[in-house]
C-alpha atoms as a PDB file:
ATOM      1  CA  MET A   1       2.296   3.142  43.611  1.00  0.00           C
ATOM      2  CA  GLU A   2      -1.943   1.788  44.571  1.00  0.00           C
ATOM      3  CA  SER A   3      -1.220   0.678  48.185  1.00  0.00           C
ATOM      4  CA  ASP A   4      -5.314  -0.689  48.433  1.00  0.00           C
ATOM      5  CA  PRO A   5      -5.180  -4.336  47.663  1.00  0.00           C
ATOM      6  CA  LEU A   6      -8.127  -4.425  46.093  1.00  0.00           C
ATOM      7  CA  ARG A   7      -8.134  -1.621  43.855  1.00  0.00           C
ATOM      8  CA  ARG A   8      -4.284  -2.746  43.064  1.00  0.00           C
ATOM      9  CA  ASN A   9      -5.296  -6.575  41.884  1.00  0.00           C
ATOM     10  CA  ASN A  10      -8.814  -5.180  40.564  1.00  0.00           C
ATOM     11  CA  VAL A  11     -10.691  -7.084  42.749  1.00  0.00           C
ATOM     12  CA  ASN A  12     -14.678  -7.746  41.810  1.00  0.00           C
ATOM     13  CA  VAL A  13     -17.257  -9.368  44.020  1.00  0.00           C
ATOM     14  CA  THR A  14     -20.156 -10.951  42.321  1.00  0.00           C
ATOM     15  CA  GLY A  15     -22.504 -13.779  42.379  1.00  0.00           C
ATOM     16  CA  ARG A  16     -24.293 -14.290  45.652  1.00  0.00           C
ATOM     17  CA  THR A  17     -22.970 -11.209  47.541  1.00  0.00           C
ATOM     18  CA  ASP A  18     -24.545 -11.813  50.939  1.00  0.00           C
ATOM     19  CA  ALA A  19     -23.459 -15.725  50.861  1.00  0.00           C
ATOM     20  CA  ARG A  20     -21.682 -17.263  53.571  1.00  0.00           C
ATOM     21  CA  ASN A  21     -18.767 -18.784  51.361  1.00  0.00           C
ATOM     22  CA  THR A  22     -16.689 -17.500  48.946  1.00  0.00           C
ATOM     23  CA  LEU A  23     -15.153 -18.858  45.994  1.00  0.00           C
ATOM     24  CA  LEU A  24     -12.075 -17.057  45.226  1.00  0.00           C
ATOM     25  CA  PHE A  25     -10.692 -17.333  41.470  1.00  0.00           C
ATOM     26  CA  VAL A  26      -6.696 -17.438  40.909  1.00  0.00           C
ATOM     27  CA  ASN A  27      -5.014 -16.941  37.607  1.00  0.00           C
ATOM     28  CA  GLY A  28      -2.317 -18.250  35.883  1.00  0.00           C
ATOM     29  CA  LEU A  29       0.178 -16.874  34.014  1.00  0.00           C
ATOM     30  CA  GLY A  30      -1.152 -14.278  31.000  1.00  0.00           C
ATOM     31  CA  ALA A  31      -4.537 -14.591  32.250  1.00  0.00           C
ATOM     32  CA  ASP A  32      -6.858 -11.732  33.078  1.00  0.00           C
ATOM     33  CA  GLN A  33      -9.613 -12.666  35.678  1.00  0.00           C
ATOM     34  CA  THR A  34     -12.209 -13.358  32.447  1.00  0.00           C
ATOM     35  CA  ILE A  35     -10.072 -16.525  31.882  1.00  0.00           C
ATOM     36  CA  TRP A  36     -12.867 -18.069  34.277  1.00  0.00           C
ATOM     37  CA  SER A  37     -16.069 -17.294  32.052  1.00  0.00           C
ATOM     38  CA  GLN A  38     -16.970 -20.395  31.866  1.00  0.00           C
ATOM     39  CA  VAL A  39     -16.798 -21.527  35.122  1.00  0.00           C
ATOM     40  CA  VAL A  40     -18.121 -18.537  37.223  1.00  0.00           C
ATOM     41  CA  PRO A  41     -21.878 -19.049  36.118  1.00  0.00           C
ATOM     42  CA  ALA A  42     -22.072 -22.594  37.695  1.00  0.00           C
ATOM     43  CA  PHE A  43     -21.514 -21.207  41.006  1.00  0.00           C
ATOM     44  CA  ALA A  44     -22.514 -17.638  41.289  1.00  0.00           C
ATOM     45  CA  ARG A  45     -26.116 -18.514  42.520  1.00  0.00           C
ATOM     46  CA  ASP A  46     -25.156 -20.261  45.870  1.00  0.00           C
ATOM     47  CA  TRP A  47     -21.375 -18.265  46.034  1.00  0.00           C
ATOM     48  CA  ARG A  48     -19.926 -14.980  46.506  1.00  0.00           C
ATOM     49  CA  ILE A  49     -17.320 -14.982  43.591  1.00  0.00           C
ATOM     50  CA  VAL A  50     -14.346 -13.040  44.102  1.00  0.00           C
ATOM     51  CA  LEU A  51     -12.274 -12.358  40.823  1.00  0.00           C
ATOM     52  CA  PHE A  52      -9.138 -10.067  40.440  1.00  0.00           C
ATOM     53  CA  ASP A  53      -6.170  -9.562  37.930  1.00  0.00           C
ATOM     54  CA  HIS A  54      -2.608 -10.022  39.049  1.00  0.00           C
ATOM     55  CA  VAL A  55      -0.633  -7.041  39.493  1.00  0.00           C
ATOM     56  CA  GLY A  56       1.352  -7.062  35.825  1.00  0.00           C
ATOM     57  CA  SER A  57      -1.360  -8.737  33.959  1.00  0.00           C
ATOM     58  CA  VAL A  58      -3.414  -5.460  33.130  1.00  0.00           C
ATOM     59  CA  ASP A  59      -2.995  -2.135  32.102  1.00  0.00           C
ATOM     60  CA  SER A  60      -4.137  -1.183  34.977  1.00  0.00           C
ATOM     61  CA  ASN A  61      -1.301  -2.215  37.151  1.00  0.00           C
ATOM     62  CA  PHE A  62       1.460  -2.339  34.713  1.00  0.00           C
ATOM     63  CA  GLU A  63       3.019   0.786  36.619  1.00  0.00           C
ATOM     64  CA  ASP A  64       2.562  -0.983  40.375  1.00  0.00           C
ATOM     65  CA  PHE A  65       4.380  -3.990  38.493  1.00  0.00           C
ATOM     66  CA  ARG A  66       7.404  -2.267  37.401  1.00  0.00           C
ATOM     67  CA  ALA A  67       7.529  -0.016  40.672  1.00  0.00           C
ATOM     68  CA  ARG A  68       7.863  -3.606  42.600  1.00  0.00           C
ATOM     69  CA  GLN A  69       9.273  -5.674  40.163  1.00  0.00           C
ATOM     70  CA  SER A  70      11.828  -7.876  42.197  1.00  0.00           C
ATOM     71  CA  HIS A  71       8.856  -8.820  44.014  1.00  0.00           C
ATOM     72  CA  TYR A  72       7.406 -10.689  41.352  1.00  0.00           C
ATOM     73  CA  LEU A  73      10.392 -12.656  40.973  1.00  0.00           C
ATOM     74  CA  ASN A  74       9.382 -15.496  42.660  1.00  0.00           C
ATOM     75  CA  ALA A  75       6.144 -16.688  43.348  1.00  0.00           C
ATOM     76  CA  SER A  76       5.684 -15.858  47.102  1.00  0.00           C
ATOM     77  CA  GLY A  77       5.017 -12.252  45.973  1.00  0.00           C
ATOM     78  CA  TYR A  78       1.976 -13.603  44.283  1.00  0.00           C
ATOM     79  CA  ALA A  79       0.949 -15.414  47.702  1.00  0.00           C
ATOM     80  CA  GLU A  80       1.717 -12.167  49.993  1.00  0.00           C
ATOM     81  CA  ASP A  81      -0.760 -10.421  47.140  1.00  0.00           C
ATOM     82  CA  LEU A  82      -3.260 -13.040  47.641  1.00  0.00           C
ATOM     83  CA  LEU A  83      -3.168 -12.615  51.664  1.00  0.00           C
ATOM     84  CA  GLN A  84      -3.615  -8.839  51.372  1.00  0.00           C
ATOM     85  CA  ILE A  85      -6.576  -9.292  49.292  1.00  0.00           C
ATOM     86  CA  VAL A  86      -7.874 -11.829  51.651  1.00  0.00           C
ATOM     87  CA  ALA A  87      -7.717  -9.284  54.676  1.00  0.00           C
ATOM     88  CA  ALA A  88      -8.780  -6.673  52.613  1.00  0.00           C
ATOM     89  CA  LEU A  89     -12.452  -8.430  51.840  1.00  0.00           C
ATOM     90  CA  GLY A  90     -13.050  -9.224  55.293  1.00  0.00           C
ATOM     91  CA  LEU A  91     -15.035 -12.469  54.259  1.00  0.00           C
ATOM     92  CA  PRO A  92     -17.211 -13.607  57.103  1.00  0.00           C
ATOM     93  CA  GLN A  93     -15.563 -16.903  56.993  1.00  0.00           C
ATOM     94  CA  PRO A  94     -12.201 -17.764  54.973  1.00  0.00           C
ATOM     95  CA  PRO A  95     -12.895 -18.865  51.219  1.00  0.00           C
ATOM     96  CA  VAL A  96     -12.814 -21.737  48.988  1.00  0.00           C
ATOM     97  CA  ALA A  97      -9.959 -20.973  46.691  1.00  0.00           C
ATOM     98  CA  VAL A  98      -9.588 -21.899  42.618  1.00  0.00           C
ATOM     99  CA  GLY A  99      -5.787 -21.028  41.302  1.00  0.00           C
ATOM    100  CA  HIS A 100      -4.804 -22.083  38.197  1.00  0.00           C
ATOM    101  CA  SER A 101      -0.795 -22.461  37.144  1.00  0.00           C
ATOM    102  CA  ILE A 102       1.110 -20.056  39.330  1.00  0.00           C
ATOM    103  CA  GLY A 103      -2.019 -18.934  40.997  1.00  0.00           C
ATOM    104  CA  GLY A 104      -2.338 -22.281  42.662  1.00  0.00           C
ATOM    105  CA  LEU A 105       1.370 -22.175  43.513  1.00  0.00           C
ATOM    106  CA  ALA A 106       0.566 -18.855  44.942  1.00  0.00           C
ATOM    107  CA  LEU A 107      -2.172 -20.479  47.174  1.00  0.00           C
ATOM    108  CA  LEU A 108      -0.076 -23.274  48.639  1.00  0.00           C
ATOM    109  CA  LEU A 109       2.804 -20.621  49.521  1.00  0.00           C
ATOM    110  CA  ALA A 110      -0.256 -18.453  51.015  1.00  0.00           C
ATOM    111  CA  SER A 111      -1.883 -21.381  52.943  1.00  0.00           C
ATOM    112  CA  VAL A 112       1.106 -22.626  54.034  1.00  0.00           C
ATOM    113  CA  ARG A 113       2.005 -19.081  55.358  1.00  0.00           C
ATOM    114  CA  GLN A 114      -1.384 -18.330  56.566  1.00  0.00           C
ATOM    115  CA  ALA A 115      -3.349 -21.734  57.081  1.00  0.00           C
ATOM    116  CA  GLU A 116      -6.949 -19.793  58.337  1.00  0.00           C
ATOM    117  CA  ALA A 117      -7.017 -17.894  55.437  1.00  0.00           C
ATOM    118  CA  PHE A 118      -8.635 -20.431  53.534  1.00  0.00           C
ATOM    119  CA  ALA A 119     -11.181 -23.102  53.770  1.00  0.00           C
ATOM    120  CA  ARG A 120      -9.834 -25.537  50.772  1.00  0.00           C
ATOM    121  CA  LEU A 121      -7.775 -25.313  48.020  1.00  0.00           C
ATOM    122  CA  VAL A 122      -8.104 -26.154  43.927  1.00  0.00           C
ATOM    123  CA  LEU A 123      -5.405 -26.554  42.283  1.00  0.00           C
ATOM    124  CA  ILE A 124      -5.702 -26.837  38.436  1.00  0.00           C
ATOM    125  CA  GLY A 125      -2.475 -27.466  36.388  1.00  0.00           C
ATOM    126  CA  THR A 126      -0.257 -26.577  39.447  1.00  0.00           C
ATOM    127  CA  SER A 127       3.233 -27.399  39.330  1.00  0.00           C
ATOM    128  CA  PRO A 128       5.957 -26.636  42.145  1.00  0.00           C
ATOM    129  CA  ARG A 129       9.149 -27.161  40.064  1.00  0.00           C
ATOM    130  CA  TYR A 130       9.015 -26.876  36.390  1.00  0.00           C
ATOM    131  CA  LEU A 131      13.123 -28.221  35.616  1.00  0.00           C
ATOM    132  CA  ASP A 132      13.215 -31.974  36.003  1.00  0.00           C
ATOM    133  CA  ALA A 133      15.906 -33.002  38.856  1.00  0.00           C
ATOM    134  CA  ALA A 134      16.856 -36.130  39.882  1.00  0.00           C
ATOM    135  CA  GLY A 135      13.824 -38.459  40.584  1.00  0.00           C
ATOM    136  CA  TYR A 136      11.551 -35.431  39.390  1.00  0.00           C
ATOM    137  CA  ARG A 137       9.687 -34.728  36.471  1.00  0.00           C
ATOM    138  CA  GLY A 138       9.063 -31.353  35.651  1.00  0.00           C
ATOM    139  CA  GLY A 139       8.418 -31.221  32.195  1.00  0.00           C
ATOM    140  CA  PHE A 140      11.338 -29.276  31.655  1.00  0.00           C
ATOM    141  CA  THR A 141      15.244 -29.178  31.018  1.00  0.00           C
ATOM    142  CA  THR A 142      17.795 -26.716  31.670  1.00  0.00           C
ATOM    143  CA  ALA A 143      18.051 -26.178  27.418  1.00  0.00           C
ATOM    144  CA  ASP A 144      14.266 -25.836  27.065  1.00  0.00           C
ATOM    145  CA  ILE A 145      14.134 -23.170  29.399  1.00  0.00           C
ATOM    146  CA  HIS A 146      17.029 -21.080  27.636  1.00  0.00           C
ATOM    147  CA  ALA A 147      15.232 -21.619  24.761  1.00  0.00           C
ATOM    148  CA  THR A 148      11.977 -20.268  26.136  1.00  0.00           C
ATOM    149  CA  TYR A 149      13.687 -16.867  27.767  1.00  0.00           C
ATOM    150  CA  ALA A 150      15.355 -16.824  23.849  1.00  0.00           C
ATOM    151  CA  ALA A 151      12.039 -17.154  21.715  1.00  0.00           C
ATOM    152  CA  LEU A 152       9.993 -14.689  24.142  1.00  0.00           C
ATOM    153  CA  ASP A 153      12.981 -12.004  23.909  1.00  0.00           C
ATOM    154  CA  GLY A 154      13.315 -12.318  20.484  1.00  0.00           C
ATOM    155  CA  ASP A 155       9.953 -12.392  18.796  1.00  0.00           C
ATOM    156  CA  TYR A 156       7.385 -11.688  21.171  1.00  0.00           C
ATOM    157  CA  PRO A 157       3.996 -11.977  19.054  1.00  0.00           C
ATOM    158  CA  ALA A 158       5.551 -15.018  17.949  1.00  0.00           C
ATOM    159  CA  TRP A 159       6.476 -16.634  21.002  1.00  0.00           C
ATOM    160  CA  VAL A 160       2.221 -15.582  22.881  1.00  0.00           C
ATOM    161  CA  SER A 161       0.906 -17.342  19.869  1.00  0.00           C
ATOM    162  CA  ALA A 162       2.821 -20.663  20.302  1.00  0.00           C
ATOM    163  CA  PHE A 163       2.760 -21.035  24.030  1.00  0.00           C
ATOM    164  CA  SER A 164      -1.356 -19.870  23.529  1.00  0.00           C
ATOM    165  CA  ARG A 165      -1.223 -23.169  21.139  1.00  0.00           C
ATOM    166  CA  ALA A 166       0.404 -25.103  23.348  1.00  0.00           C
ATOM    167  CA  ALA A 167      -1.248 -24.097  26.509  1.00  0.00           C
ATOM    168  CA  LEU A 168      -5.096 -24.948  25.033  1.00  0.00           C
ATOM    169  CA  GLY A 169      -3.684 -27.892  23.106  1.00  0.00           C
ATOM    170  CA  GLU A 170      -3.366 -28.758  19.021  1.00  0.00           C
ATOM    171  CA  SER A 171      -7.207 -30.208  18.775  1.00  0.00           C
ATOM    172  CA  SER A 172      -8.812 -27.033  20.842  1.00  0.00           C
ATOM    173  CA  PRO A 173     -10.867 -24.497  18.437  1.00  0.00           C
ATOM    174  CA  PRO A 174      -8.655 -21.936  17.057  1.00  0.00           C
ATOM    175  CA  ASN A 175     -10.744 -19.032  18.517  1.00  0.00           C
ATOM    176  CA  LEU A 176      -9.829 -20.018  21.846  1.00  0.00           C
ATOM    177  CA  ALA A 177      -6.192 -19.980  21.352  1.00  0.00           C
ATOM    178  CA  GLU A 178      -6.312 -16.347  20.026  1.00  0.00           C
ATOM    179  CA  ARG A 179      -8.701 -15.491  22.854  1.00  0.00           C
ATOM    180  CA  PHE A 180      -5.698 -16.308  25.275  1.00  0.00           C
ATOM    181  CA  ALA A 181      -3.172 -15.136  23.014  1.00  0.00           C
ATOM    182  CA  GLY A 182      -5.055 -11.691  22.786  1.00  0.00           C
ATOM    183  CA  THR A 183      -5.316 -11.454  26.331  1.00  0.00           C
ATOM    184  CA  MET A 184      -1.428 -12.238  27.148  1.00  0.00           C
ATOM    185  CA  GLY A 185      -0.175 -10.233  24.601  1.00  0.00           C
ATOM    186  CA  ARG A 186      -1.262  -7.439  25.825  1.00  0.00           C
ATOM    187  CA  VAL A 187       1.361  -7.791  28.787  1.00  0.00           C
ATOM    188  CA  PRO A 188       4.496  -5.961  27.784  1.00  0.00           C
ATOM    189  CA  LYS A 189       7.284  -8.508  26.907  1.00  0.00           C
ATOM    190  CA  GLU A 190       9.725  -6.787  29.749  1.00  0.00           C
ATOM    191  CA  LEU A 191       7.254  -7.636  32.194  1.00  0.00           C
ATOM    192  CA  MET A 192       6.415 -11.147  30.805  1.00  0.00           C
ATOM    193  CA  LEU A 193       9.945 -11.913  30.927  1.00  0.00           C
ATOM    194  CA  THR A 194      10.087 -11.221  34.628  1.00  0.00           C
ATOM    195  CA  ILE A 195       7.053 -13.043  35.308  1.00  0.00           C
ATOM    196  CA  VAL A 196       8.100 -16.194  33.402  1.00  0.00           C
ATOM    197  CA  CYS A 197      11.113 -16.466  35.247  1.00  0.00           C
ATOM    198  CA  SER A 198       9.128 -16.513  38.344  1.00  0.00           C
ATOM    199  CA  VAL A 199       7.372 -19.340  36.663  1.00  0.00           C
ATOM    200  CA  LEU A 200      10.414 -21.636  35.445  1.00  0.00           C
ATOM    201  CA  GLN A 201      12.897 -20.697  37.901  1.00  0.00           C
ATOM    202  CA  THR A 202      10.970 -21.609  40.973  1.00  0.00           C
ATOM    203  CA  ASP A 203      11.033 -24.632  43.328  1.00  0.00           C
ATOM    204  CA  HIS A 204       8.965 -24.823  46.019  1.00  0.00           C
ATOM    205  CA  ARG A 205       8.562 -28.322  46.669  1.00  0.00           C
ATOM    206  CA  ALA A 206       9.790 -27.964  50.368  1.00  0.00           C
ATOM    207  CA  ALA A 207       6.655 -26.260  51.288  1.00  0.00           C
ATOM    208  CA  LEU A 208       4.142 -29.251  50.099  1.00  0.00           C
ATOM    209  CA  PRO A 209       4.480 -31.377  53.140  1.00  0.00           C
ATOM    210  CA  LEU A 210       3.834 -27.997  54.952  1.00  0.00           C
ATOM    211  CA  VAL A 211       0.133 -27.407  53.245  1.00  0.00           C
ATOM    212  CA  ARG A 212      -2.620 -28.001  56.399  1.00  0.00           C
ATOM    213  CA  VAL A 213      -5.427 -27.056  54.499  1.00  0.00           C
ATOM    214  CA  PRO A 214      -7.963 -29.622  52.628  1.00  0.00           C
ATOM    215  CA  VAL A 215      -6.393 -29.883  48.676  1.00  0.00           C
ATOM    216  CA  LEU A 216      -7.832 -31.078  44.893  1.00  0.00           C
ATOM    217  CA  ILE A 217      -5.360 -31.062  42.612  1.00  0.00           C
ATOM    218  CA  ALA A 218      -7.322 -30.967  39.331  1.00  0.00           C
ATOM    219  CA  GLN A 219      -5.214 -32.178  36.719  1.00  0.00           C
ATOM    220  CA  SER A 220      -5.967 -32.098  32.631  1.00  0.00           C
ATOM    221  CA  SER A 221      -5.541 -35.546  31.351  1.00  0.00           C
ATOM    222  CA  ALA A 222      -3.127 -34.525  28.831  1.00  0.00           C
ATOM    223  CA  ASP A 223      -1.334 -31.037  29.783  1.00  0.00           C
ATOM    224  CA  TYR A 224       1.902 -30.210  27.569  1.00  0.00           C
ATOM    225  CA  PHE A 225       3.444 -28.139  30.597  1.00  0.00           C
ATOM    226  CA  VAL A 226       2.080 -29.991  33.878  1.00  0.00           C
ATOM    227  CA  PRO A 227       2.801 -33.857  32.736  1.00  0.00           C
ATOM    228  CA  ARG A 228       1.156 -36.328  35.088  1.00  0.00           C
ATOM    229  CA  GLU A 229       4.158 -36.786  36.877  1.00  0.00           C
ATOM    230  CA  THR A 230       4.339 -33.295  38.443  1.00  0.00           C
ATOM    231  CA  ALA A 231       0.609 -33.949  39.568  1.00  0.00           C
ATOM    232  CA  ASP A 232       1.414 -37.224  41.267  1.00  0.00           C
ATOM    233  CA  TYR A 233       4.493 -35.853  43.031  1.00  0.00           C
ATOM    234  CA  LEU A 234       2.159 -33.156  44.053  1.00  0.00           C
ATOM    235  CA  HIS A 235      -0.467 -35.757  45.358  1.00  0.00           C
ATOM    236  CA  ALA A 236       2.098 -37.764  47.065  1.00  0.00           C
ATOM    237  CA  GLN A 237       3.877 -34.747  48.912  1.00  0.00           C
ATOM    238  CA  ILE A 238       0.664 -32.628  50.311  1.00  0.00           C
ATOM    239  CA  PRO A 239      -0.912 -34.087  53.001  1.00  0.00           C
ATOM    240  CA  GLY A 240      -4.199 -35.483  52.923  1.00  0.00           C
ATOM    241  CA  SER A 241      -4.844 -34.212  49.319  1.00  0.00           C
ATOM    242  CA  ARG A 242      -6.856 -35.440  46.746  1.00  0.00           C
ATOM    243  CA  MET A 243      -6.380 -35.833  43.200  1.00  0.00           C
ATOM    244  CA  ALA A 244      -9.079 -35.804  39.866  1.00  0.00           C
ATOM    245  CA  ILE A 245      -8.193 -36.025  36.582  1.00  0.00           C
ATOM    246  CA  ILE A 246     -10.309 -33.845  34.391  1.00  0.00           C
ATOM    247  CA  ASP A 247     -11.034 -35.582  30.735  1.00  0.00           C
ATOM    248  CA  ALA A 248      -9.261 -32.155  28.989  1.00  0.00           C
ATOM    249  CA  ILE A 249      -6.644 -31.850  26.681  1.00  0.00           C
ATOM    250  CA  GLY A 250      -4.328 -29.042  27.368  1.00  0.00           C
ATOM    251  CA  HIS A 251      -3.409 -26.579  30.317  1.00  0.00           C
ATOM    252  CA  LEU A 252      -6.437 -24.801  30.578  1.00  0.00           C
ATOM    253  CA  PRO A 253      -9.227 -26.995  31.346  1.00  0.00           C
ATOM    254  CA  HIS A 254     -11.254 -23.647  32.653  1.00  0.00           C
ATOM    255  CA  LEU A 255     -11.496 -22.939  28.731  1.00  0.00           C
ATOM    256  CA  THR A 256     -11.320 -26.324  27.102  1.00  0.00           C
ATOM    257  CA  ALA A 257     -13.627 -28.535  29.554  1.00  0.00           C
ATOM    258  CA  PRO A 258     -15.112 -26.177  32.093  1.00  0.00           C
ATOM    259  CA  GLU A 259     -18.163 -28.792  32.438  1.00  0.00           C
ATOM    260  CA  ALA A 260     -16.015 -31.303  33.937  1.00  0.00           C
ATOM    261  CA  LEU A 261     -13.795 -28.845  35.761  1.00  0.00           C
ATOM    262  CA  VAL A 262     -16.828 -27.773  37.517  1.00  0.00           C
ATOM    263  CA  ASP A 263     -18.517 -31.112  38.625  1.00  0.00           C
ATOM    264  CA  GLY A 264     -14.991 -31.734  39.821  1.00  0.00           C
ATOM    265  CA  ILE A 265     -14.480 -28.599  41.706  1.00  0.00           C
ATOM    266  CA  ARG A 266     -18.163 -28.537  43.244  1.00  0.00           C
ATOM    267  CA  ALA A 267     -17.818 -32.087  44.258  1.00  0.00           C
ATOM    268  CA  PHE A 268     -14.851 -31.312  46.418  1.00  0.00           C
ATOM    269  CA  VAL A 269     -15.668 -27.858  47.977  1.00  0.00           C
ATOM    270  CA  GLU A 270     -19.673 -29.232  48.520  1.00  0.00           C
ATOM    271  CA  ALA A 271     -18.040 -31.979  50.703  1.00  0.00           C
ATOM    272  CA  GLY A 272     -16.241 -29.334  52.954  1.00  0.00           C
ATOM    273  CA  GLU A 273     -17.886 -29.882  56.125  1.00  0.00           C
ATOM    274  CA  GLY A 274     -18.956 -26.049  58.012  1.00  0.00           C
ATOM    275  CA  LEU A 275     -19.599 -25.008  54.150  1.00  0.00           C
ATOM    276  CA  ALA A 276     -22.986 -23.740  54.073  1.00  0.00           C
ATOM    277  CA  CYS A 277     -24.277 -20.865  51.549  1.00  0.00           C
END
């Protein structure tokens, strides 16, 4: 197994590499670092940009995932990886981190472990728990989750296609769903089962009040996977958090409405005290 977290996670540093400030982008389920291609250019002139691929998301680290598959049965494994990446980069000051879906949850958990590792967090389509519970709407019933596992295990290409269409929203251009499905479908089925399990069976609500880093919750106006009630719950439970509703359809506003998302990120990160490029 690769011991260097920068090589293991295919870390790439771009943008203004001599800048004091850094934007770290953390992918969600089924995505690789190219998912941010419509957002990164807006910041590349003034910020150091760090992109990477989660273990298990690209060919180069499938074997690393298999070697430690139990490590990724919970989002805490991805949080540990994040802290290793930040430490190995040796940045001049803590990065502003932008995370999508499970990437956002991993950021939350990493910040609870080590608040000083991050300057600010932007959470896009992030949920602490997908399963509905008493007094809490996560968006999925137990039957929904069982049906997801059955569909994934039965006809994986069909599940990837259906997931991608739902994630992008029915009104999105077909090429966007096809692009996302192409990336997601490269992940072997047995690895995806573990990853989806780590997403759908997690419950990290208890960690939310422990977050001590400034947080922006960036929520699409219509997200099939993360309902507005979940975003409202995050906002209520994370001390001092802000929420921005992005005029976007789907779970991936960085694909469907990148300009609106960039505006929300820029307003939040540039309001940070002590941030100067």
